[in-house]
Amino acid sequence: MKKVLPLVLIVLCAVAAIAIAQDWAKANLAKSTRHGEWVDVKSGDRTVHSWVVYPEVKTKAPAIVVIHEIFGMTDWVQDVTDQFAELGYIAIAPDLLSGAGPNGGGTSSLDASQVGQAIQKLPPDQITADLNAVADYVTKLPSANGKLAAAGFCWGGSQTFRFATNRPTLSAALSFYGGPPATEDMKKINAKVYGFYAELDARIDALIYPGAVDNMKAAGKFFEPVTYKGAGHGFMRSGEGPAPTTPPKEGQPKYEDNKKAREDAWVRIRSILKGM
């Protein structure tokens, strides 16, 4: 049976943080010295428009597939893909909305309200096929050493966890504030799964503790979740962008806590990928 992400989870991702204005992410990317380019990856009769960034290294490098948020292929997604390349990985981020827009366009051909709706309509089997096609493409590049990890955020965090059930050769899956896959599919996971969660994100946390933790343990699989104190959903993006001009309401995450969570997460990411 196909697993469809619950509508409430989709709505949560959409309202968790505003991801429209990302001039700061575009500016960060413009400063990068690494080579980034758009490539078209064939996935059956589909073409998946993907952003790939190469690390500045002298030897063949491992690869990482970066799976975007519910906001689709944004400037921040390109920015964070470049940051993974900075760590020495060939990083590739597919626009999973490729072909979903007018005249076969992707995220950039849709307005903000249409993006979330289009993502809800993506068939799970198509997502899996596209991710496998992109993974095959990047691991077969002449500069790749064949090793592969995946990382995703929000909706992409859920898809990363699910991708681990569909990609036996995946070495590591880094799921950022996303939900778990179907319990019966966990037995198919070979990768080590690392979770990055926010303390002020009750909806997602309720899916992880104790459910996913217990279910992964019962399946005999590696799952290491970490919850970042004071952080809110989307902290990897909101903790990188500029501080808001108005203070948060009581009970909402503070910019400083999101920023610290992001910084701590990157320390952990470096450690995980270094040992891959």
Protein backbone atom coordinates (compact mmCIF):
# COMPACT_ATOMS: atom_id res chain seq x y z
CA MET A 1 0.00 0.00 0.00
CA LYS A 2 1.32 3.45 -0.87
CA LYS A 3 2.08 5.66 2.11
CA VAL A 4 0.68 9.19 1.76
CA LEU A 5 1.89 11.94 4.08
CA PRO A 6 -1.04 13.10 6.27
CA LEU A 7 -2.54 16.46 5.32
CA VAL A 8 -2.00 17.78 8.84
CA LEU A 9 1.74 17.16 8.46
CA ILE A 10 1.74 18.96 5.13
CA VAL A 11 -0.04 21.93 6.71
CA LEU A 12 2.38 21.91 9.63
CA CYS A 13 5.36 22.16 7.30
CA ALA A 14 3.71 24.96 5.34
CA VAL A 15 2.96 27.15 8.35
CA ALA A 16 6.05 26.32 10.40
CA ALA A 17 8.10 29.13 8.87
CA ILE A 18 7.86 31.58 6.00
CA ALA A 19 10.24 30.60 3.21
CA ILE A 20 9.28 33.06 0.51
CA ALA A 21 11.91 35.81 0.70
CA GLN A 22 15.34 34.18 0.55
CA ASP A 23 17.57 36.87 -0.88
CA TRP A 24 20.04 36.13 1.91
CA ALA A 25 20.33 32.51 0.74
CA LYS A 26 20.86 33.65 -2.83
CA ALA A 27 23.58 36.02 -1.61
CA ASN A 28 25.29 33.20 0.33
CA LEU A 29 25.31 31.03 -2.76
CA ALA A 30 26.75 33.83 -4.90
CA LYS A 31 29.78 33.97 -2.59
CA SER A 32 30.58 30.26 -2.98
CA THR A 33 33.76 29.33 -4.84
CA ARG A 34 32.45 25.83 -5.60
CA HIS A 35 31.13 24.81 -9.00
CA GLY A 36 27.37 24.37 -9.09
CA GLU A 37 25.24 23.61 -12.12
CA TRP A 38 21.78 22.51 -13.19
CA VAL A 39 21.51 19.05 -14.73
CA ASP A 40 18.60 17.11 -16.20
CA VAL A 41 18.35 13.57 -14.88
CA LYS A 42 16.23 11.01 -16.73
CA SER A 43 13.77 9.07 -14.57
CA GLY A 44 11.81 6.77 -16.86
CA ASP A 45 9.89 9.08 -19.17
CA ARG A 46 10.41 12.00 -16.77
CA THR A 47 13.20 14.57 -16.56
CA VAL A 48 14.20 15.68 -13.07
CA HIS A 49 15.79 19.14 -13.00
CA SER A 50 18.51 18.97 -10.34
CA TRP A 51 21.06 21.28 -8.75
CA VAL A 52 24.48 19.69 -8.24
CA VAL A 53 27.49 21.20 -6.47
CA TYR A 54 31.00 19.76 -6.57
CA PRO A 55 33.42 19.88 -3.63
CA GLU A 56 36.89 21.32 -3.95
CA VAL A 57 38.85 18.10 -3.35
CA LYS A 58 41.64 16.22 -5.13
CA THR A 59 40.21 12.71 -4.78
CA LYS A 60 36.95 11.01 -5.68
CA ALA A 61 34.20 12.03 -3.27
CA PRO A 62 31.10 10.49 -1.70
CA ALA A 63 27.73 11.87 -2.76
CA ILE A 64 24.66 13.12 -0.92
CA VAL A 65 21.11 13.60 -2.20
CA VAL A 66 19.44 16.66 -0.65
CA ILE A 67 15.64 16.51 -0.51
CA HIS A 68 13.82 19.84 -0.37
CA GLU A 69 11.13 21.08 1.98
CA ILE A 70 7.46 21.39 1.11
CA PHE A 71 8.40 24.78 -0.38
CA GLY A 72 10.10 22.98 -3.27
CA MET A 73 13.36 24.00 -4.91
CA THR A 74 14.08 27.31 -3.18
CA ASP A 75 17.21 29.45 -2.99
CA TRP A 76 17.84 28.03 0.46
CA VAL A 77 17.81 24.47 -0.85
CA GLN A 78 20.51 25.43 -3.34
CA ASP A 79 22.39 27.19 -0.53
CA VAL A 80 22.31 24.19 1.83
CA THR A 81 23.29 21.87 -1.03
CA ASP A 82 26.38 24.03 -1.49
CA GLN A 83 27.07 23.73 2.24
CA PHE A 84 27.08 19.95 1.98
CA ALA A 85 29.54 20.24 -0.92
CA GLU A 86 31.72 22.40 1.33
CA LEU A 87 32.11 19.33 3.55
CA GLY A 88 33.61 17.38 0.67
CA TYR A 89 30.54 15.75 -0.86
CA ILE A 90 29.11 15.86 -4.35
CA ALA A 91 25.72 17.24 -3.37
CA ILE A 92 22.67 17.02 -5.61
CA ALA A 93 19.19 18.39 -4.94
CA PRO A 94 16.41 17.25 -7.29
CA ASP A 95 13.40 19.45 -7.92
CA LEU A 96 10.79 16.77 -7.27
CA LEU A 97 8.17 19.10 -8.74
CA SER A 98 9.84 18.84 -12.15
CA GLY A 99 7.06 18.61 -14.71
CA ALA A 100 4.34 19.58 -12.23
CA GLY A 101 4.13 23.20 -13.37
CA PRO A 102 2.82 24.89 -16.51
CA ASN A 103 4.49 23.75 -19.74
CA GLY A 104 6.38 21.05 -17.87
CA GLY A 105 8.04 23.47 -15.45
CA GLY A 106 8.98 22.82 -11.85
CA THR A 107 8.99 24.81 -8.61
CA SER A 108 9.96 28.10 -10.26
CA SER A 109 6.92 27.96 -12.55
CA LEU A 110 4.48 27.75 -9.61
CA ASP A 111 3.43 30.36 -7.07
CA ALA A 112 3.76 29.73 -3.34
CA SER A 113 0.20 28.47 -2.88
CA GLN A 114 0.50 26.06 -5.80
CA VAL A 115 3.75 24.47 -4.62
CA GLY A 116 2.28 22.87 -1.50
CA GLN A 117 -0.71 21.59 -3.44
CA ALA A 118 1.51 20.11 -6.13
CA ILE A 119 3.68 18.32 -3.58
CA GLN A 120 0.60 16.74 -1.98
CA LYS A 121 -0.26 15.26 -5.37
CA LEU A 122 3.13 13.64 -6.00
CA PRO A 123 2.76 9.84 -6.22
CA PRO A 124 5.04 8.10 -3.68
CA ASP A 125 6.27 5.67 -6.34
CA GLN A 126 7.25 8.60 -8.58
CA ILE A 127 9.17 10.23 -5.72
CA THR A 128 11.06 6.99 -5.10
CA ALA A 129 11.83 6.54 -8.80
CA ASP A 130 13.07 10.13 -9.12
CA LEU A 131 15.28 9.86 -6.04
CA ASN A 132 16.75 6.56 -7.25
CA ALA A 133 17.43 8.06 -10.68
CA VAL A 134 19.22 11.03 -9.10
CA ALA A 135 21.15 8.73 -6.76
CA ASP A 136 22.24 6.57 -9.70
CA TYR A 137 23.29 9.67 -11.64
CA VAL A 138 25.42 11.20 -8.89
CA THR A 139 27.11 7.99 -7.75
CA LYS A 140 28.16 7.20 -11.33
CA LEU A 141 29.85 10.54 -11.94
CA PRO A 142 33.58 10.17 -12.73
CA SER A 143 34.47 12.19 -9.61
CA ALA A 144 32.28 10.06 -7.27
CA ASN A 145 33.55 7.17 -5.16
CA GLY A 146 30.21 5.35 -5.09
CA LYS A 147 29.22 6.03 -1.49
CA LEU A 148 25.87 7.73 -0.92
CA ALA A 149 24.00 9.52 1.85
CA ALA A 150 20.71 11.43 1.83
CA ALA A 151 19.48 14.42 3.80
CA GLY A 152 16.09 16.10 3.76
CA PHE A 153 14.15 18.80 5.53
CA CYS A 154 10.50 18.94 6.70
CA TRP A 155 8.60 17.10 3.94
CA GLY A 156 12.01 16.14 2.61
CA GLY A 157 12.95 14.80 6.03
CA SER A 158 10.05 12.36 5.83
CA GLN A 159 11.03 11.44 2.27
CA THR A 160 14.63 10.86 3.38
CA PHE A 161 13.51 8.41 6.07
CA ARG A 162 11.25 6.69 3.51
CA PHE A 163 14.01 6.66 0.87
CA ALA A 164 16.11 4.59 3.28
CA THR A 165 13.46 1.87 2.95
CA ASN A 166 13.83 1.93 -0.84
CA ARG A 167 17.58 2.30 -1.36
CA PRO A 168 19.46 -0.72 0.07
CA THR A 169 22.89 0.75 -0.71
CA LEU A 170 22.28 4.03 1.13
CA SER A 171 24.92 4.49 3.83
CA ALA A 172 23.30 7.22 5.94
CA ALA A 173 19.96 9.03 6.07
CA LEU A 174 19.75 12.40 7.81
CA SER A 175 16.12 13.26 8.50
CA PHE A 176 15.47 16.82 9.65
CA TYR A 177 12.13 17.28 11.44
CA GLY A 178 10.34 14.76 9.24
CA GLY A 179 8.07 11.86 10.10
CA PRO A 180 8.95 8.14 9.94
CA PRO A 181 8.01 5.68 7.19
CA ALA A 182 5.46 2.91 7.59
CA THR A 183 6.45 0.58 10.42
CA GLU A 184 6.29 -2.50 8.20
CA ASP A 185 8.81 -0.91 5.81
CA MET A 186 11.47 -0.26 8.46
CA LYS A 187 12.77 -3.82 8.15
CA LYS A 188 14.05 -2.91 4.66
CA ILE A 189 16.38 -0.19 5.96
CA ASN A 190 20.12 -0.84 5.74
CA ALA A 191 21.34 2.72 6.27
CA LYS A 192 22.04 4.33 9.60
CA VAL A 193 19.27 6.86 10.22
CA TYR A 194 19.97 10.07 12.11
CA GLY A 195 17.12 12.32 13.22
CA PHE A 196 17.29 16.05 13.88
CA TYR A 197 14.24 17.35 15.77
CA ALA A 198 13.04 20.52 17.47
CA GLU A 199 11.80 20.75 21.05
CA LEU A 200 8.98 23.10 20.02
CA ASP A 201 7.64 20.79 17.33
CA ALA A 202 5.17 18.60 19.18
CA ARG A 203 3.41 17.23 16.11
CA ILE A 204 6.58 15.70 14.63
CA ASP A 205 8.09 14.74 17.99
CA ALA A 206 4.98 12.74 18.83
CA LEU A 207 5.63 10.58 15.77
CA ILE A 208 9.22 9.91 16.81
CA TYR A 209 9.04 9.41 20.59
CA PRO A 210 8.45 6.64 21.42
CA GLY A 211 6.83 5.28 18.23
CA ALA A 212 9.59 5.47 15.62
CA VAL A 213 12.30 4.86 18.21
CA ASP A 214 10.63 1.68 19.47
CA ASN A 215 9.68 0.47 16.00
CA MET A 216 13.19 0.92 14.59
CA LYS A 217 14.63 -0.88 17.61
CA ALA A 218 12.18 -3.75 17.16
CA ALA A 219 13.22 -3.99 13.51
CA GLY A 220 16.87 -4.17 14.57
CA LYS A 221 17.75 -0.93 12.79
CA PHE A 222 20.04 1.96 13.71
CA PHE A 223 18.16 5.14 14.57
CA GLU A 224 19.72 8.01 16.48
CA PRO A 225 17.36 10.96 17.06
CA VAL A 226 18.47 14.20 18.71
CA THR A 227 16.08 16.95 19.83
CA TYR A 228 17.43 20.50 19.96
CA LYS A 229 16.34 22.54 22.96
CA GLY A 230 14.21 25.60 22.30
CA ALA A 231 14.29 25.12 18.53
CA GLY A 232 11.27 25.20 16.25
CA HIS A 233 10.35 23.34 13.08
CA GLY A 234 12.54 24.45 10.19
CA PHE A 235 15.46 25.56 12.36
CA MET A 236 18.07 24.66 9.75
CA ARG A 237 16.69 27.44 7.56
CA SER A 238 15.30 29.91 10.08
CA GLY A 239 18.48 29.64 12.15
CA GLU A 240 20.57 30.65 9.15
CA GLY A 241 18.48 33.52 7.84
CA PRO A 242 18.39 37.03 9.31
CA ALA A 243 16.87 37.58 12.73
CA PRO A 244 13.19 38.61 12.60
CA THR A 245 12.42 42.26 13.21
CA THR A 246 9.72 41.44 15.77
CA PRO A 247 10.18 39.25 18.86
CA PRO A 248 8.46 35.85 18.92
CA LYS A 249 5.20 35.38 20.77
CA GLU A 250 5.27 33.52 24.07
CA GLY A 251 5.88 29.82 23.51
CA GLN A 252 7.31 30.30 20.02
CA PRO A 253 10.97 29.54 19.22
CA LYS A 254 13.51 32.30 19.62
CA TYR A 255 15.88 33.11 16.78
CA GLU A 256 18.86 32.52 19.06
CA ASP A 257 17.65 29.00 19.87
CA ASN A 258 17.11 28.16 16.21
CA LYS A 259 20.54 29.53 15.36
CA LYS A 260 22.22 27.45 18.08
CA ALA A 261 20.31 24.34 17.02
CA ARG A 262 21.48 24.83 13.46
CA GLU A 263 25.09 25.33 14.53
CA ASP A 264 24.99 22.24 16.77
CA ALA A 265 23.36 20.24 13.99
CA TRP A 266 26.16 21.10 11.57
CA VAL A 267 28.74 19.88 14.09
CA ARG A 268 26.84 16.61 14.26
CA ILE A 269 26.46 16.42 10.47
CA ARG A 270 30.20 16.76 9.99
CA SER A 271 30.83 13.96 12.48
CA ILE A 272 28.26 11.65 10.87
CA LEU A 273 29.42 12.16 7.31
CA LYS A 274 33.07 11.95 8.24
CA GLY A 275 32.45 8.46 9.58
CA MET A 276 30.34 7.31 6.63
